[in-house]
Amino acid sequence: MSSFNLDVYMPVLILIAFAVVMVVGVLVAGILIRPQNPEELKLSPYECGEEPVGPAWSNFNIRFYVTALVFIIFDVEGALMFPVAAVFQKFNKIGQGGVLFGTLFLFVAILVVGIVYCWKKGDLDWVRSYQVANDDTSKKEVN
């Protein structure tokens, strides 16, 4: 017969309950304490003291997002190689250095394939040039 003791989970449940009570308590205290006198000036959108001009939704160049995502992907992947470099000597001493080196080589190869793919696709070009296909059907002579 197995005795499963739930007493070990009691501190966790107490902390979760305490966290919920604190969050609800702070929200209720904020509602009760803060002044509630909205007026037109307080309800207007504010940014740097300037009056808003135009709609809030506007077209945004997607290249900013693509560049940021490519940077984050390769930056994080590059940072993941530091722990491997830190333990490489220990693995080499126990005879597993080749396996670790092969794994790291595969990791870097995948990164290189990814950067070449982004480069070929044109995601690394800040200013893209759109060229019209030059074929014989588009060059019709007018008689």
C-alpha atoms as a PDB file:
ATOM      1  CA  MET A   1       0.000   0.000   0.000  1.00  0.00           C
ATOM      2  CA  SER A   2       1.443   3.314  -1.119  1.00  0.00           C
ATOM      3  CA  SER A   3       1.022   6.373   1.034  1.00  0.00           C
ATOM      4  CA  PHE A   4       0.983   9.533  -1.054  1.00  0.00           C
ATOM      5  CA  ASN A   5       1.465  12.529   1.194  1.00  0.00           C
ATOM      6  CA  LEU A   6      -0.060  15.794  -0.055  1.00  0.00           C
ATOM      7  CA  ASP A   7       1.601  17.790   2.722  1.00  0.00           C
ATOM      8  CA  VAL A   8       4.660  18.378   0.538  1.00  0.00           C
ATOM      9  CA  TYR A   9       2.532  20.465  -1.847  1.00  0.00           C
ATOM     10  CA  MET A  10       1.049  22.648   0.882  1.00  0.00           C
ATOM     11  CA  PRO A  11       3.768  25.373   0.753  1.00  0.00           C
ATOM     12  CA  VAL A  12       3.293  25.697  -3.015  1.00  0.00           C
ATOM     13  CA  LEU A  13      -0.484  26.009  -2.648  1.00  0.00           C
ATOM     14  CA  ILE A  14      -0.051  28.597   0.107  1.00  0.00           C
ATOM     15  CA  LEU A  15       2.291  30.669  -2.090  1.00  0.00           C
ATOM     16  CA  ILE A  16      -0.097  30.478  -5.054  1.00  0.00           C
ATOM     17  CA  ALA A  17      -2.994  31.592  -2.852  1.00  0.00           C
ATOM     18  CA  PHE A  18      -0.861  34.393  -1.415  1.00  0.00           C
ATOM     19  CA  ALA A  19       0.063  35.565  -4.929  1.00  0.00           C
ATOM     20  CA  VAL A  20      -3.583  35.581  -6.042  1.00  0.00           C
ATOM     21  CA  VAL A  21      -4.654  37.514  -2.930  1.00  0.00           C
ATOM     22  CA  MET A  22      -1.854  40.057  -3.454  1.00  0.00           C
ATOM     23  CA  VAL A  23      -2.728  40.649  -7.130  1.00  0.00           C
ATOM     24  CA  VAL A  24      -6.446  41.014  -6.444  1.00  0.00           C
ATOM     25  CA  GLY A  25      -5.729  43.178  -3.400  1.00  0.00           C
ATOM     26  CA  VAL A  26      -3.511  45.585  -5.323  1.00  0.00           C
ATOM     27  CA  LEU A  27      -6.048  45.877  -8.143  1.00  0.00           C
ATOM     28  CA  VAL A  28      -8.900  46.580  -5.703  1.00  0.00           C
ATOM     29  CA  ALA A  29      -6.765  49.075  -3.759  1.00  0.00           C
ATOM     30  CA  GLY A  30      -5.967  50.886  -7.009  1.00  0.00           C
ATOM     31  CA  ILE A  31      -9.644  51.135  -7.900  1.00  0.00           C
ATOM     32  CA  LEU A  32     -10.509  52.510  -4.454  1.00  0.00           C
ATOM     33  CA  ILE A  33      -7.602  54.954  -4.060  1.00  0.00           C
ATOM     34  CA  ARG A  34      -7.073  56.582  -7.452  1.00  0.00           C
ATOM     35  CA  PRO A  35      -9.138  59.619  -8.428  1.00  0.00           C
ATOM     36  CA  GLN A  36     -11.726  59.068 -11.119  1.00  0.00           C
ATOM     37  CA  ASN A  37     -12.352  62.350 -12.874  1.00  0.00           C
ATOM     38  CA  PRO A  38     -11.966  61.697 -16.594  1.00  0.00           C
ATOM     39  CA  GLU A  39     -12.117  64.664 -18.922  1.00  0.00           C
ATOM     40  CA  GLU A  40     -11.596  65.125 -22.649  1.00  0.00           C
ATOM     41  CA  LEU A  41      -7.929  66.081 -22.343  1.00  0.00           C
ATOM     42  CA  LYS A  42      -7.115  63.071 -20.146  1.00  0.00           C
ATOM     43  CA  LEU A  43      -8.900  60.682 -22.499  1.00  0.00           C
ATOM     44  CA  SER A  44      -7.094  61.925 -25.621  1.00  0.00           C
ATOM     45  CA  PRO A  45      -4.170  59.882 -26.953  1.00  0.00           C
ATOM     46  CA  TYR A  46      -0.809  61.226 -25.877  1.00  0.00           C
ATOM     47  CA  GLU A  47       2.624  60.854 -27.366  1.00  0.00           C
ATOM     48  CA  CYS A  48       5.448  63.312 -26.729  1.00  0.00           C
ATOM     49  CA  GLY A  49       3.064  66.205 -26.166  1.00  0.00           C
ATOM     50  CA  GLU A  50       2.005  66.285 -29.821  1.00  0.00           C
ATOM     51  CA  GLU A  51      -1.509  66.160 -31.136  1.00  0.00           C
ATOM     52  CA  PRO A  52      -2.118  62.915 -33.019  1.00  0.00           C
ATOM     53  CA  VAL A  53      -2.239  63.292 -36.792  1.00  0.00           C
ATOM     54  CA  GLY A  54      -3.820  60.668 -38.994  1.00  0.00           C
ATOM     55  CA  PRO A  55      -5.078  57.212 -38.057  1.00  0.00           C
ATOM     56  CA  ALA A  56      -3.409  55.066 -35.448  1.00  0.00           C
ATOM     57  CA  TRP A  57      -3.109  52.193 -37.924  1.00  0.00           C
ATOM     58  CA  SER A  58      -0.590  52.790 -40.667  1.00  0.00           C
ATOM     59  CA  ASN A  59       1.451  50.730 -43.062  1.00  0.00           C
ATOM     60  CA  PHE A  60       4.790  49.688 -41.639  1.00  0.00           C
ATOM     61  CA  ASN A  61       7.691  48.351 -43.643  1.00  0.00           C
ATOM     62  CA  ILE A  62       7.961  44.614 -43.013  1.00  0.00           C
ATOM     63  CA  ARG A  63      11.746  44.687 -43.495  1.00  0.00           C
ATOM     64  CA  PHE A  64      12.145  46.012 -39.947  1.00  0.00           C
ATOM     65  CA  TYR A  65      10.493  42.886 -38.553  1.00  0.00           C
ATOM     66  CA  VAL A  66      12.336  40.516 -40.892  1.00  0.00           C
ATOM     67  CA  THR A  67      15.699  42.064 -40.033  1.00  0.00           C
ATOM     68  CA  ALA A  68      14.946  41.886 -36.306  1.00  0.00           C
ATOM     69  CA  LEU A  69      13.825  38.248 -36.523  1.00  0.00           C
ATOM     70  CA  VAL A  70      16.882  37.216 -38.542  1.00  0.00           C
ATOM     71  CA  PHE A  71      19.134  38.975 -36.041  1.00  0.00           C
ATOM     72  CA  ILE A  72      17.433  37.356 -33.051  1.00  0.00           C
ATOM     73  CA  ILE A  73      17.568  33.897 -34.602  1.00  0.00           C
ATOM     74  CA  PHE A  74      21.268  34.035 -35.434  1.00  0.00           C
ATOM     75  CA  ASP A  75      22.213  35.909 -32.266  1.00  0.00           C
ATOM     76  CA  VAL A  76      20.569  33.345 -29.999  1.00  0.00           C
ATOM     77  CA  GLU A  77      21.981  30.462 -32.003  1.00  0.00           C
ATOM     78  CA  GLY A  78      25.433  32.010 -31.767  1.00  0.00           C
ATOM     79  CA  ALA A  79      25.054  32.452 -28.024  1.00  0.00           C
ATOM     80  CA  LEU A  80      24.154  28.758 -27.697  1.00  0.00           C
ATOM     81  CA  MET A  81      27.644  27.814 -28.882  1.00  0.00           C
ATOM     82  CA  PHE A  82      29.374  29.332 -25.829  1.00  0.00           C
ATOM     83  CA  PRO A  83      28.336  26.575 -23.374  1.00  0.00           C
ATOM     84  CA  VAL A  84      29.532  23.947 -25.865  1.00  0.00           C
ATOM     85  CA  ALA A  85      32.900  25.681 -26.123  1.00  0.00           C
ATOM     86  CA  ALA A  86      33.108  25.793 -22.325  1.00  0.00           C
ATOM     87  CA  VAL A  87      32.736  22.004 -21.937  1.00  0.00           C
ATOM     88  CA  PHE A  88      34.630  20.972 -25.070  1.00  0.00           C
ATOM     89  CA  GLN A  89      37.873  20.266 -23.188  1.00  0.00           C
ATOM     90  CA  LYS A  90      36.081  18.035 -20.664  1.00  0.00           C
ATOM     91  CA  PHE A  91      34.438  16.050 -23.478  1.00  0.00           C
ATOM     92  CA  ASN A  92      37.782  15.795 -25.261  1.00  0.00           C
ATOM     93  CA  LYS A  93      39.393  14.281 -22.146  1.00  0.00           C
ATOM     94  CA  ILE A  94      36.787  11.514 -21.952  1.00  0.00           C
ATOM     95  CA  GLY A  95      37.091  10.748 -25.656  1.00  0.00           C
ATOM     96  CA  GLN A  96      33.870  12.403 -26.809  1.00  0.00           C
ATOM     97  CA  GLY A  97      35.482  15.487 -28.370  1.00  0.00           C
ATOM     98  CA  GLY A  98      34.876  14.268 -31.924  1.00  0.00           C
ATOM     99  CA  VAL A  99      31.177  13.743 -31.271  1.00  0.00           C
ATOM    100  CA  LEU A 100      30.850  17.202 -29.759  1.00  0.00           C
ATOM    101  CA  PHE A 101      32.830  18.747 -32.611  1.00  0.00           C
ATOM    102  CA  GLY A 102      30.645  16.967 -35.180  1.00  0.00           C
ATOM    103  CA  THR A 103      27.506  18.171 -33.438  1.00  0.00           C
ATOM    104  CA  LEU A 104      28.821  21.729 -33.327  1.00  0.00           C
ATOM    105  CA  PHE A 105      29.851  21.486 -36.992  1.00  0.00           C
ATOM    106  CA  LEU A 106      26.339  20.345 -37.934  1.00  0.00           C
ATOM    107  CA  PHE A 107      24.881  23.197 -35.878  1.00  0.00           C
ATOM    108  CA  VAL A 108      27.063  25.776 -37.655  1.00  0.00           C
ATOM    109  CA  ALA A 109      26.302  24.178 -41.032  1.00  0.00           C
ATOM    110  CA  ILE A 110      22.574  24.586 -40.413  1.00  0.00           C
ATOM    111  CA  LEU A 111      23.193  28.226 -39.479  1.00  0.00           C
ATOM    112  CA  VAL A 112      25.193  28.782 -42.672  1.00  0.00           C
ATOM    113  CA  VAL A 113      22.434  27.184 -44.761  1.00  0.00           C
ATOM    114  CA  GLY A 114      19.917  29.484 -43.055  1.00  0.00           C
ATOM    115  CA  ILE A 115      21.940  32.638 -43.662  1.00  0.00           C
ATOM    116  CA  VAL A 116      22.558  31.649 -47.302  1.00  0.00           C
ATOM    117  CA  TYR A 117      18.811  31.056 -47.713  1.00  0.00           C
ATOM    118  CA  CYS A 118      18.037  34.496 -46.275  1.00  0.00           C
ATOM    119  CA  TRP A 119      20.701  36.051 -48.472  1.00  0.00           C
ATOM    120  CA  LYS A 120      19.447  34.366 -51.667  1.00  0.00           C
ATOM    121  CA  LYS A 121      15.857  35.230 -50.857  1.00  0.00           C
ATOM    122  CA  GLY A 122      16.864  38.880 -50.487  1.00  0.00           C
ATOM    123  CA  ASP A 123      15.861  39.293 -46.851  1.00  0.00           C
ATOM    124  CA  LEU A 124      19.250  40.778 -45.984  1.00  0.00           C
ATOM    125  CA  ASP A 125      18.986  43.503 -48.649  1.00  0.00           C
ATOM    126  CA  TRP A 126      17.710  46.675 -47.084  1.00  0.00           C
ATOM    127  CA  VAL A 127      16.802  48.282 -50.405  1.00  0.00           C
ATOM    128  CA  ARG A 128      15.348  45.769 -52.801  1.00  0.00           C
ATOM    129  CA  SER A 129      15.474  46.371 -56.505  1.00  0.00           C
ATOM    130  CA  TYR A 130      12.546  44.990 -58.416  1.00  0.00           C
ATOM    131  CA  GLN A 131      13.543  44.105 -61.950  1.00  0.00           C
ATOM    132  CA  VAL A 132      11.036  43.392 -64.678  1.00  0.00           C
ATOM    133  CA  ALA A 133      11.607  40.150 -66.506  1.00  0.00           C
ATOM    134  CA  ASN A 134      13.146  40.863 -69.902  1.00  0.00           C
ATOM    135  CA  ASP A 135      11.574  38.437 -72.340  1.00  0.00           C
ATOM    136  CA  ASP A 136      10.793  38.616 -76.058  1.00  0.00           C
ATOM    137  CA  THR A 137       7.014  38.643 -75.567  1.00  0.00           C
ATOM    138  CA  SER A 138       7.122  41.986 -73.816  1.00  0.00           C
ATOM    139  CA  LYS A 139       8.975  43.595 -76.752  1.00  0.00           C
ATOM    140  CA  LYS A 140       6.332  43.911 -79.414  1.00  0.00           C
ATOM    141  CA  GLU A 141       7.090  46.126 -82.326  1.00  0.00           C
ATOM    142  CA  VAL A 142       4.463  48.555 -83.427  1.00  0.00           C
ATOM    143  CA  ASN A 143       4.095  48.720 -87.251  1.00  0.00           C
END
